[in-house]
Amino acid sequence: MRVEGIMRKEHNIIKGCGFVEKLEFFNSYKREMVDFFGYDIEFIIGDSSKEVEFYCEVPSIILSTFSDVLKPQVLSAHRVLENYYEENKVHPRYSSTLLEEISIDIIRYLGAQTSIENIYKFVQSLKEISLKTYENESVSLGIIYFPQRTRAKTENRLNKMKLDYIPFDDVTDLKTLIDSDKLIRKIIDGKSLALVVNDELKVTGLAKKRKEGKSIKQEIFSKFDVFEATRHELLIKSYVKAIFEDSKQKLTDFPDVNEAIIRTFEESYDIPQEAIERFKKSQCDYHYIDIENRNVNWNFSNNYMLTHSEGGWKLRDYNLLLILIVELLYLVQKKLFYLSSSLMGDFDFIKDLVAKVSHFVNTIKGNASENIGSLFIILKEEVKDMLYRTRRDQKSLEIYNKKFKELLRNEGISLKFYEKTIRDGEYLININDMDNYYLQLISSVDGAVILDPYFNLISYGEMIKSEGVKGIRGARSSAALGGSKFGLAIKVSEDSDVTVYWGEDEMMRI
């Protein structure tokens, strides 16, 4: 999975004491690691020949951004493989055992203070419950887990989330509770009621939705949004700082840029310690676990979760998807910001871009969670055609005429009457301004949703040319590969996997 000139190696060095034999042991699990994480990784021997280095190739001009995102899973994978290696090079009997251990290690790394044994027991209970039924229907269950809270603090935290707390007389383990009362399999569905679990993964009571509130799951995820907003604020400033530092010497070519302006801008992208502390404080002090359609979803935030489905674990990291989209479409391919002397304009553009990509990722995630198969193609543009400061009107689509002939089976937009539903007079509608239900609906029909790089909706239901695509694939996968010649293609499968293609290469699978 290499694209010359775009992909770079990011080395996340993991200290160890092994040699070539250890490297071979680690790399014997490369396929399992790729399936679990969703991106191409490799283990290599470090410069000292006494370390194992774990790296992936990422399209990033800000390698520290990827390091922060990848750090938990990288460290967890290493710890688990290291343990297997140190135990006389014993291989796990099944790959699912290895991935479950990595999942448990991630859970502990991201807040769980209890023992590995307690987490393991709780995870087994979740898996067993996911296979149970109530009157021939799969169990739906919502659980709020507070890894580090006392009962008093839990009640206060739930109150701030607009939820009432109903404590049980005695704490109990999850399996015992579910087995003792079949009705729980039906009514604790995360809408009006959810189980509350303490730091030892024992059930302490119920969270109840108030009359005027959202569903419990919606309320939980809206609180997660606060955390994501703070993350995005730091991400935007990191982007602007990296771009600015990389291109600062070129800014003097602009007649209206002087040292005073540059100093002012340097201060604007500086990330103060208070912002970093605010980010740390905003990190979620609870996890939300739900069981739906025989799947177990352990949510650490809106965009970061572990999923157990059909006997296997997988990490779904939508933060990584957001970063990948931003950097492939803009920062790596073009470095657009060299073109403008409006420094604060660039800052505002990145802020707006991250918001739009975040909205788009939420659409992808929604389709995946509801098993809605869909295909999105975001067209790339040449620098000369960039209009990122303005709205896009119908006439401006003429720059795509050549692409449409090569990309679309009809060699042009095929929508007729329904085109009016995705236009605002002569202007294209941005997906940020669209009804979310309608956006999900049009993405579910046969064919692809076509977007420009600013997430203005060009068309939907378009059949993509896939002639010349190598290998035997399904229709949607072939269309995604064909579309990736002209931009970023994102395919959502009906089994909820999300695959990203760029230049006919698979970049990531969530």
Protein backbone atom coordinates (compact mmCIF):
# COMPACT_ATOMS: atom_id res chain seq x y z
CA MET A 1 0.00 0.00 0.00
CA ARG A 2 2.43 2.64 -1.19
CA VAL A 3 1.85 5.77 -3.21
CA GLU A 4 5.21 7.27 -4.11
CA GLY A 5 5.49 10.93 -3.24
CA ILE A 6 2.52 10.78 -0.92
CA MET A 7 3.13 8.02 1.58
CA ARG A 8 5.72 8.36 4.31
CA LYS A 9 6.96 6.02 6.97
CA GLU A 10 6.17 6.86 10.55
CA HIS A 11 8.37 4.94 12.96
CA ASN A 12 6.85 4.28 16.35
CA ILE A 13 9.87 2.70 18.09
CA ILE A 14 9.02 0.16 20.74
CA LYS A 15 11.85 -0.80 23.05
CA GLY A 16 12.50 -4.50 23.46
CA CYS A 17 15.33 -6.96 23.78
CA GLY A 18 14.81 -9.25 20.82
CA PHE A 19 16.68 -9.99 17.64
CA VAL A 20 15.76 -11.48 14.26
CA GLU A 21 13.93 -14.41 15.85
CA LYS A 22 11.74 -11.98 17.75
CA LEU A 23 11.05 -10.00 14.59
CA GLU A 24 9.91 -13.15 12.81
CA PHE A 25 7.64 -13.98 15.74
CA PHE A 26 6.03 -10.52 15.64
CA ASN A 27 5.63 -10.52 11.86
CA SER A 28 3.91 -13.92 11.92
CA TYR A 29 0.88 -11.94 13.12
CA LYS A 30 1.04 -9.17 10.55
CA ARG A 31 -2.14 -10.25 8.75
CA GLU A 32 -4.10 -10.34 12.03
CA MET A 33 -2.79 -6.90 12.98
CA VAL A 34 -3.81 -5.43 9.61
CA ASP A 35 -7.30 -6.94 9.85
CA PHE A 36 -7.72 -5.63 13.39
CA PHE A 37 -6.32 -2.12 12.99
CA GLY A 38 -7.40 -1.55 9.38
CA TYR A 39 -4.14 -0.18 7.99
CA ASP A 40 -0.90 -1.60 6.65
CA ILE A 41 1.72 -2.19 9.33
CA GLU A 42 5.06 -3.92 9.58
CA PHE A 43 7.57 -4.91 12.23
CA ILE A 44 11.26 -4.27 11.57
CA ILE A 45 14.51 -4.50 13.50
CA GLY A 46 15.71 -1.16 14.84
CA ASP A 47 19.07 0.46 14.19
CA SER A 48 20.62 -1.17 17.26
CA SER A 49 19.46 -4.63 16.11
CA LYS A 50 18.04 -5.04 19.62
CA GLU A 51 14.69 -3.35 19.14
CA VAL A 52 11.50 -4.14 17.32
CA GLU A 53 10.13 -1.13 15.50
CA PHE A 54 6.46 -1.01 14.60
CA TYR A 55 5.57 1.32 11.76
CA CYS A 56 2.85 2.09 9.31
CA GLU A 57 3.00 4.22 6.20
CA VAL A 58 0.79 7.25 6.59
CA PRO A 59 0.01 10.18 4.29
CA SER A 60 0.81 12.77 6.89
CA ILE A 61 2.76 16.01 6.99
CA ILE A 62 2.14 16.07 10.72
CA LEU A 63 3.51 12.78 11.94
CA SER A 64 2.88 13.66 15.60
CA THR A 65 -0.85 13.77 14.87
CA PHE A 66 -0.78 10.16 13.72
CA SER A 67 1.48 9.18 16.62
CA ASP A 68 -1.06 10.48 19.13
CA VAL A 69 -3.90 8.62 17.43
CA LEU A 70 -2.00 5.36 16.94
CA LYS A 71 -0.24 5.27 20.30
CA PRO A 72 -2.79 3.26 22.36
CA GLN A 73 -3.20 0.43 19.88
CA VAL A 74 0.49 0.29 19.00
CA LEU A 75 1.52 -0.06 22.63
CA SER A 76 -1.21 -2.62 23.32
CA ALA A 77 -0.25 -4.78 20.35
CA HIS A 78 3.37 -4.69 21.42
CA ARG A 79 2.65 -5.56 25.04
CA VAL A 80 0.55 -8.58 24.10
CA LEU A 81 3.01 -9.90 21.49
CA GLU A 82 5.88 -9.29 23.88
CA ASN A 83 4.13 -11.39 26.53
CA TYR A 84 3.59 -14.25 24.10
CA TYR A 85 7.22 -14.09 23.01
CA GLU A 86 8.60 -14.00 26.56
CA GLU A 87 6.46 -17.01 27.52
CA ASN A 88 8.81 -19.34 25.64
CA LYS A 89 7.58 -18.11 22.25
CA VAL A 90 4.12 -19.62 22.80
CA HIS A 91 1.68 -18.80 20.01
CA PRO A 92 -1.99 -18.22 20.85
CA ARG A 93 -4.11 -21.14 19.73
CA TYR A 94 -6.45 -18.88 17.75
CA SER A 95 -5.91 -15.46 16.20
CA SER A 96 -9.19 -14.37 17.85
CA THR A 97 -7.53 -14.99 21.22
CA LEU A 98 -4.68 -12.65 20.33
CA LEU A 99 -7.01 -9.87 19.12
CA GLU A 100 -9.17 -10.21 22.21
CA GLU A 101 -6.12 -9.78 24.42
CA ILE A 102 -5.12 -6.65 22.48
CA SER A 103 -8.68 -5.33 22.85
CA ILE A 104 -8.62 -5.94 26.60
CA ASP A 105 -5.24 -4.20 26.85
CA ILE A 106 -6.63 -1.17 24.96
CA ILE A 107 -9.59 -1.04 27.37
CA ARG A 108 -7.19 -0.99 30.30
CA TYR A 109 -4.87 1.54 28.66
CA LEU A 110 -7.81 3.90 28.09
CA GLY A 111 -8.98 4.13 31.65
CA ALA A 112 -9.95 0.82 33.21
CA GLN A 113 -8.30 0.57 36.64
CA THR A 114 -9.39 -2.94 37.44
CA SER A 115 -7.44 -6.12 36.76
CA ILE A 116 -7.01 -7.80 33.40
CA GLU A 117 -8.86 -10.81 34.85
CA ASN A 118 -11.92 -8.66 35.69
CA ILE A 119 -11.95 -7.12 32.22
CA TYR A 120 -11.64 -10.55 30.62
CA LYS A 121 -14.55 -11.93 32.68
CA PHE A 122 -16.71 -8.92 31.83
CA VAL A 123 -15.89 -9.19 28.12
CA GLN A 124 -16.86 -12.88 28.11
CA SER A 125 -20.18 -11.93 29.69
CA LEU A 126 -20.80 -9.32 26.99
CA LYS A 127 -20.11 -11.86 24.26
CA GLU A 128 -22.45 -14.42 25.83
CA ILE A 129 -25.23 -11.86 26.30
CA SER A 130 -24.92 -10.70 22.67
CA LEU A 131 -26.00 -14.20 21.57
CA LYS A 132 -29.06 -14.32 23.82
CA THR A 133 -32.60 -13.49 22.68
CA TYR A 134 -35.86 -12.21 24.10
CA GLU A 135 -38.94 -13.66 22.38
CA ASN A 136 -36.83 -14.54 19.33
CA GLU A 137 -35.34 -11.03 19.07
CA SER A 138 -31.66 -10.25 19.63
CA VAL A 139 -30.78 -8.60 22.92
CA SER A 140 -30.39 -4.81 23.00
CA LEU A 141 -28.45 -3.58 26.01
CA GLY A 142 -26.90 -0.26 27.07
CA ILE A 143 -24.18 0.04 29.73
CA ILE A 144 -22.46 3.13 31.15
CA TYR A 145 -19.08 2.24 32.60
CA PHE A 146 -17.31 4.58 35.04
CA PRO A 147 -13.74 3.26 35.33
CA GLN A 148 -12.63 5.49 38.22
CA ARG A 149 -15.65 6.72 40.14
CA THR A 150 -17.23 6.22 43.56
CA ARG A 151 -21.01 5.93 43.90
CA ALA A 152 -21.42 9.58 44.96
CA LYS A 153 -19.39 10.85 42.03
CA THR A 154 -21.25 8.54 39.66
CA GLU A 155 -24.62 9.92 40.73
CA ASN A 156 -23.37 13.49 40.35
CA ARG A 157 -21.91 12.74 36.89
CA LEU A 158 -25.15 11.15 35.69
CA ASN A 159 -27.08 14.16 36.96
CA LYS A 160 -24.90 16.43 34.80
CA MET A 161 -25.73 14.17 31.87
CA LYS A 162 -29.46 14.75 32.61
CA LEU A 163 -29.91 11.16 33.74
CA ASP A 164 -31.34 9.86 37.02
CA TYR A 165 -29.50 7.19 38.99
CA ILE A 166 -31.38 4.27 40.60
CA PRO A 167 -28.90 2.27 42.72
CA PHE A 168 -29.34 -1.44 43.42
CA ASP A 169 -29.27 -2.67 47.01
CA ASP A 170 -26.26 -4.84 46.18
CA VAL A 171 -23.71 -4.71 43.41
CA THR A 172 -23.59 -7.76 41.17
CA ASP A 173 -21.72 -9.11 38.20
CA LEU A 174 -23.25 -8.67 34.76
CA LYS A 175 -23.79 -12.31 33.86
CA THR A 176 -25.57 -13.12 37.13
CA LEU A 177 -27.91 -10.16 36.66
CA ILE A 178 -28.79 -11.00 33.05
CA ASP A 179 -29.35 -14.68 33.83
CA SER A 180 -31.57 -13.87 36.82
CA ASP A 181 -34.04 -11.65 34.98
CA LYS A 182 -34.92 -12.20 31.30
CA LEU A 183 -36.82 -8.89 31.14
CA ILE A 184 -33.52 -7.00 31.35
CA ARG A 185 -32.71 -8.31 27.87
CA LYS A 186 -35.61 -6.23 26.53
CA ILE A 187 -36.00 -3.06 28.58
CA ILE A 188 -32.38 -2.02 29.30
CA ASP A 189 -31.92 -0.98 25.67
CA GLY A 190 -29.99 2.27 26.09
CA LYS A 191 -32.98 4.42 25.20
CA SER A 192 -34.80 4.93 28.49
CA LEU A 193 -32.72 2.72 30.77
CA ALA A 194 -29.07 1.65 30.93
CA LEU A 195 -27.02 -0.36 33.39
CA VAL A 196 -24.38 1.49 35.44
CA VAL A 197 -21.09 -0.31 36.02
CA ASN A 198 -18.42 0.71 38.53
CA ASP A 199 -14.62 0.64 38.43
CA GLU A 200 -14.56 -3.09 39.27
CA LEU A 201 -16.96 -3.81 36.39
CA LYS A 202 -19.80 -4.66 38.79
CA VAL A 203 -23.34 -3.47 38.08
CA THR A 204 -24.39 -0.90 40.70
CA GLY A 205 -27.74 0.33 39.38
CA LEU A 206 -29.66 1.89 36.52
CA ALA A 207 -29.46 5.16 34.64
CA LYS A 208 -32.90 6.46 33.71
CA LYS A 209 -33.75 9.04 31.06
CA ARG A 210 -35.71 12.06 32.20
CA LYS A 211 -38.97 12.90 30.49
CA GLU A 212 -37.62 15.89 28.58
CA GLY A 213 -34.28 14.37 27.68
CA LYS A 214 -32.86 12.60 24.66
CA SER A 215 -32.40 8.83 24.66
CA ILE A 216 -29.59 7.74 26.96
CA LYS A 217 -27.38 6.74 24.04
CA GLN A 218 -27.97 10.12 22.34
CA GLU A 219 -27.22 11.97 25.57
CA ILE A 220 -24.00 9.99 26.05
CA PHE A 221 -22.80 10.68 22.52
CA SER A 222 -23.67 14.38 22.74
CA LYS A 223 -21.34 14.58 25.75
CA PHE A 224 -18.70 12.79 23.72
CA ASP A 225 -19.08 15.65 21.20
CA VAL A 226 -17.59 18.08 23.74
CA PHE A 227 -14.46 15.97 23.90
CA GLU A 228 -14.25 15.71 20.10
CA ALA A 229 -14.66 19.51 19.72
CA THR A 230 -11.64 20.11 21.97
CA ARG A 231 -9.63 17.52 20.04
CA HIS A 232 -10.53 19.27 16.76
CA GLU A 233 -9.46 22.65 18.15
CA LEU A 234 -5.98 21.32 18.90
CA LEU A 235 -5.87 19.43 15.61
CA ILE A 236 -6.62 22.59 13.61
CA LYS A 237 -3.90 24.56 15.34
CA SER A 238 -1.44 21.72 14.81
CA TYR A 239 -2.21 21.69 11.10
CA VAL A 240 -1.83 25.43 10.71
CA LYS A 241 1.42 25.45 12.68
CA ALA A 242 2.95 22.66 10.59
CA ILE A 243 1.88 24.21 7.30
CA PHE A 244 3.04 27.66 8.33
CA GLU A 245 6.44 26.49 9.56
CA ASP A 246 6.90 24.49 6.37
CA SER A 247 6.10 27.43 4.10
CA LYS A 248 7.19 30.47 6.15
CA GLN A 249 10.16 31.25 3.92
CA LYS A 250 7.86 31.45 0.89
CA LEU A 251 5.54 33.99 2.49
CA THR A 252 8.04 36.80 2.03
CA ASP A 253 7.31 36.57 -1.70
CA PHE A 254 3.97 38.23 -1.01
CA PRO A 255 4.23 42.05 -0.92
CA ASP A 256 1.66 42.44 1.86
CA VAL A 257 3.33 40.02 4.28
CA ASN A 258 5.89 41.45 6.70
CA GLU A 259 7.55 40.25 9.90
CA ALA A 260 4.89 41.83 12.11
CA ILE A 261 2.14 39.89 10.32
CA ILE A 262 4.15 36.68 10.60
CA ARG A 263 4.67 37.22 14.35
CA THR A 264 0.96 37.86 14.85
CA PHE A 265 0.12 34.67 13.04
CA GLU A 266 2.68 32.65 14.99
CA GLU A 267 0.92 33.74 18.17
CA SER A 268 -2.48 32.78 16.75
CA TYR A 269 -1.56 29.15 16.10
CA ASP A 270 0.41 28.71 19.31
CA ILE A 271 -1.20 26.05 21.49
CA PRO A 272 -1.23 27.36 25.07
CA GLN A 273 -0.79 25.02 28.00
CA GLU A 274 -4.30 25.89 29.16
CA ALA A 275 -5.75 24.41 25.95
CA ILE A 276 -3.80 21.20 26.46
CA GLU A 277 -5.01 20.98 30.06
CA ARG A 278 -8.57 21.65 28.90
CA PHE A 279 -8.22 18.79 26.43
CA LYS A 280 -7.05 16.45 29.19
CA LYS A 281 -9.92 17.49 31.45
CA SER A 282 -12.44 17.04 28.65
CA GLN A 283 -11.40 13.45 28.01
CA CYS A 284 -14.28 11.12 28.66
CA ASP A 285 -14.32 9.69 32.16
CA TYR A 286 -16.81 7.03 31.13
CA HIS A 287 -17.23 4.46 28.37
CA TYR A 288 -20.50 3.46 26.73
CA ILE A 289 -21.04 -0.20 25.85
CA ASP A 290 -23.97 -1.33 23.78
CA ILE A 291 -25.12 -4.68 22.45
CA GLU A 292 -27.14 -4.55 19.26
CA ASN A 293 -27.81 -7.08 16.50
CA ARG A 294 -25.48 -9.61 18.19
CA ASN A 295 -22.61 -7.09 18.10
CA VAL A 296 -20.76 -5.70 21.12
CA ASN A 297 -19.59 -2.08 20.77
CA TRP A 298 -17.26 -0.64 23.40
CA ASN A 299 -17.28 3.14 22.76
CA PHE A 300 -14.47 5.27 24.21
CA SER A 301 -15.72 8.33 22.31
CA ASN A 302 -17.84 9.10 19.25
CA ASN A 303 -15.01 8.16 16.92
CA TYR A 304 -13.07 5.43 18.71
CA MET A 305 -14.52 2.03 19.53
CA LEU A 306 -13.89 -1.69 19.73
CA THR A 307 -16.43 -3.98 18.07
CA HIS A 308 -16.98 -7.69 18.52
CA SER A 309 -18.91 -9.22 15.64
CA GLU A 310 -19.22 -12.77 14.32
CA GLY A 311 -16.61 -14.09 16.72
CA GLY A 312 -13.89 -11.49 16.15
CA TRP A 313 -12.70 -8.14 17.48
CA LYS A 314 -11.93 -5.07 15.40
CA LEU A 315 -10.81 -1.54 16.21
CA ARG A 316 -12.83 1.21 14.51
CA ASP A 317 -10.91 4.47 14.61
CA TYR A 318 -12.88 7.22 12.88
CA ASN A 319 -10.44 9.87 14.11
CA LEU A 320 -7.87 8.30 11.81
CA LEU A 321 -10.38 8.44 8.93
CA LEU A 322 -10.95 12.16 9.54
CA ILE A 323 -7.21 12.89 9.49
CA LEU A 324 -6.69 10.74 6.39
CA ILE A 325 -9.39 12.58 4.42
CA VAL A 326 -8.09 16.04 5.34
CA GLU A 327 -4.50 15.23 4.53
CA LEU A 328 -5.04 13.27 1.32
CA LEU A 329 -7.40 15.80 -0.24
CA TYR A 330 -5.56 18.94 0.81
CA LEU A 331 -2.40 18.98 2.84
CA VAL A 332 -0.27 16.29 1.21
CA GLN A 333 -1.50 16.51 -2.34
CA LYS A 334 -1.43 20.26 -2.87
CA LYS A 335 -0.37 22.23 0.21
CA LEU A 336 -2.88 24.81 -0.91
CA PHE A 337 -1.88 27.33 1.66
CA TYR A 338 1.26 28.32 -0.24
CA LEU A 339 -1.10 30.06 -2.64
CA SER A 340 -2.52 32.63 -0.29
CA SER A 341 -1.18 35.60 1.63
CA SER A 342 -4.34 35.62 3.74
CA LEU A 343 -2.93 33.74 6.71
CA MET A 344 -5.97 34.03 8.94
CA GLY A 345 -8.07 33.03 5.93
CA ASP A 346 -6.10 29.78 5.80
CA PHE A 347 -6.76 29.23 9.50
CA ASP A 348 -10.49 29.78 8.98
CA PHE A 349 -10.47 27.48 5.97
CA ILE A 350 -8.88 24.61 7.92
CA LYS A 351 -11.35 25.15 10.76
CA ASP A 352 -14.25 24.99 8.31
CA LEU A 353 -12.72 22.00 6.51
CA VAL A 354 -12.30 19.95 9.69
CA ALA A 355 -15.94 20.70 10.61
CA LYS A 356 -17.14 19.52 7.19
CA VAL A 357 -15.00 16.39 7.24
CA SER A 358 -16.21 15.63 10.77
CA HIS A 359 -19.83 15.90 9.58
CA PHE A 360 -19.04 13.64 6.63
CA VAL A 361 -17.34 11.06 8.88
CA ASN A 362 -20.44 11.05 11.09
CA THR A 363 -22.51 10.19 8.00
CA ILE A 364 -20.13 7.33 7.16
CA LYS A 365 -20.25 6.10 10.74
CA GLY A 366 -24.06 6.28 10.79
CA ASN A 367 -24.33 4.21 7.61
CA ALA A 368 -21.85 1.67 8.98
CA SER A 369 -23.69 1.33 12.31
CA GLU A 370 -26.97 0.70 10.48
CA ASN A 371 -25.37 -1.64 7.92
CA ILE A 372 -26.28 0.63 5.01
CA GLY A 373 -24.11 -0.20 2.00
CA SER A 374 -22.98 2.97 0.22
CA LEU A 375 -20.24 4.53 -1.87
CA PHE A 376 -18.92 8.10 -1.74
CA ILE A 377 -16.45 9.60 -4.19
CA ILE A 378 -14.83 12.93 -3.33
CA LEU A 379 -13.31 14.36 -6.48
CA LYS A 380 -9.84 15.87 -6.36
CA GLU A 381 -9.08 19.12 -8.16
CA GLU A 382 -6.12 20.78 -9.75
CA VAL A 383 -4.77 23.84 -7.96
CA LYS A 384 -5.89 26.12 -10.79
CA ASP A 385 -9.49 25.01 -10.30
CA MET A 386 -9.60 25.57 -6.55
CA LEU A 387 -12.49 27.75 -5.38
CA TYR A 388 -12.26 27.08 -1.68
CA ARG A 389 -13.21 30.62 -0.63
CA THR A 390 -16.55 30.65 -2.50
CA ARG A 391 -19.77 28.73 -2.93
CA ARG A 392 -19.93 26.51 -5.96
CA ASP A 393 -22.57 27.12 -8.61
CA GLN A 394 -23.83 24.78 -11.30
CA LYS A 395 -21.72 26.35 -14.02
CA SER A 396 -18.50 25.70 -12.12
CA LEU A 397 -19.05 21.95 -12.60
CA GLU A 398 -17.79 22.38 -16.16
CA ILE A 399 -14.26 21.75 -14.88
CA TYR A 400 -15.36 18.15 -14.21
CA ASN A 401 -16.77 17.42 -17.69
CA LYS A 402 -13.67 15.50 -18.76
CA LYS A 403 -13.63 13.56 -15.47
CA PHE A 404 -17.33 12.72 -15.80
CA LYS A 405 -16.73 11.14 -19.21
CA GLU A 406 -14.02 8.90 -17.80
CA LEU A 407 -15.65 8.25 -14.42
CA LEU A 408 -19.39 7.86 -15.04
CA ARG A 409 -21.05 5.24 -17.21
CA ASN A 410 -23.44 7.88 -18.54
CA GLU A 411 -20.43 10.18 -19.10
CA GLY A 412 -22.32 12.94 -17.30
CA ILE A 413 -24.70 13.63 -14.42
CA SER A 414 -27.69 11.32 -14.77
CA LEU A 415 -30.07 12.94 -12.27
CA LYS A 416 -33.02 14.75 -13.78
CA PHE A 417 -35.97 15.84 -11.67
CA TYR A 418 -34.33 14.77 -8.39
CA GLU A 419 -31.39 17.10 -9.07
CA LYS A 420 -33.57 19.90 -7.74
CA THR A 421 -33.58 18.24 -4.30
CA ILE A 422 -29.82 18.70 -3.96
CA ARG A 423 -29.57 22.27 -5.28
CA ASP A 424 -30.16 25.68 -3.77
CA GLY A 425 -31.21 27.52 -6.89
CA GLU A 426 -28.11 27.61 -9.07
CA TYR A 427 -25.80 26.55 -6.22
CA LEU A 428 -24.78 23.12 -4.99
CA ILE A 429 -25.85 22.20 -1.47
CA ASN A 430 -23.13 21.38 1.02
CA ILE A 431 -23.71 18.21 3.02
CA ASN A 432 -23.36 20.31 6.21
CA ASP A 433 -26.56 22.10 5.15
CA MET A 434 -28.47 18.96 4.18
CA ASP A 435 -31.10 17.03 6.06
CA ASN A 436 -29.21 14.08 7.55
CA TYR A 437 -32.04 11.65 6.86
CA TYR A 438 -32.11 12.60 3.19
CA LEU A 439 -28.33 12.32 2.92
CA GLN A 440 -28.47 8.82 4.41
CA LEU A 441 -31.33 7.93 2.08
CA ILE A 442 -29.62 9.00 -1.15
CA SER A 443 -26.41 7.24 -0.11
CA SER A 444 -28.33 3.98 0.27
CA VAL A 445 -29.54 3.81 -3.36
CA ASP A 446 -27.58 1.95 -6.03
CA GLY A 447 -24.63 3.91 -7.35
CA ALA A 448 -22.26 6.46 -5.85
CA VAL A 449 -22.68 9.82 -4.13
CA ILE A 450 -20.38 12.31 -5.90
CA LEU A 451 -18.93 15.22 -3.89
CA ASP A 452 -16.49 18.00 -4.70
CA PRO A 453 -13.49 18.57 -2.35
CA TYR A 454 -15.53 21.01 -0.21
CA PHE A 455 -18.30 18.43 0.33
CA ASN A 456 -20.76 20.10 -1.98
CA LEU A 457 -23.12 17.44 -3.35
CA ILE A 458 -22.80 17.04 -7.12
CA SER A 459 -24.96 13.96 -7.68
CA TYR A 460 -26.00 10.57 -6.33
CA GLY A 461 -27.01 7.18 -7.68
CA GLU A 462 -24.26 7.44 -10.31
CA MET A 463 -22.93 4.26 -11.91
CA ILE A 464 -19.11 4.23 -11.95
CA LYS A 465 -16.96 2.78 -14.71
CA SER A 466 -14.89 -0.09 -13.36
CA GLU A 467 -13.33 -1.48 -16.53
CA GLY A 468 -9.68 -2.35 -16.03
CA VAL A 469 -9.95 -2.83 -12.28
CA LYS A 470 -7.67 -5.68 -11.28
CA GLY A 471 -8.90 -8.76 -9.47
CA ILE A 472 -12.32 -10.27 -8.86
CA ARG A 473 -14.40 -8.08 -6.57
CA GLY A 474 -18.00 -7.21 -5.84
CA ALA A 475 -19.71 -4.45 -7.81
CA ARG A 476 -19.34 -1.79 -5.10
CA SER A 477 -15.65 -2.60 -4.49
CA SER A 478 -14.91 -2.46 -8.22
CA ALA A 479 -16.73 0.86 -8.50
CA ALA A 480 -14.79 2.21 -5.51
CA LEU A 481 -11.46 1.26 -7.10
CA GLY A 482 -12.54 2.78 -10.40
CA GLY A 483 -13.63 5.97 -8.69
CA SER A 484 -10.38 6.23 -6.73
CA LYS A 485 -8.56 7.16 -9.95
CA PHE A 486 -10.31 10.52 -9.71
CA GLY A 487 -10.35 11.19 -5.99
CA LEU A 488 -11.01 9.63 -2.63
CA ALA A 489 -13.45 6.69 -2.69
CA ILE A 490 -15.04 5.52 0.56
CA LYS A 491 -17.07 2.32 0.54
CA VAL A 492 -19.39 1.27 3.36
CA SER A 493 -20.21 -2.43 3.29
CA GLU A 494 -23.43 -3.95 4.55
CA ASP A 495 -21.35 -5.75 7.18
CA SER A 496 -20.40 -2.26 8.50
CA ASP A 497 -16.77 -2.21 7.29
CA VAL A 498 -15.54 1.11 5.87
CA THR A 499 -12.79 0.97 3.21
CA VAL A 500 -10.88 3.96 1.84
CA TYR A 501 -9.31 3.91 -1.63
CA TRP A 502 -6.96 6.45 -3.23
CA GLY A 503 -5.26 6.07 -6.60
CA GLU A 504 -6.49 2.47 -6.90
CA ASP A 505 -4.85 1.55 -3.57
CA GLU A 506 -6.65 0.47 -0.42
CA MET A 507 -5.52 2.91 2.25
CA MET A 508 -7.52 1.87 5.28
CA ARG A 509 -10.28 -0.48 6.38
CA ILE A 510 -12.22 0.41 9.53
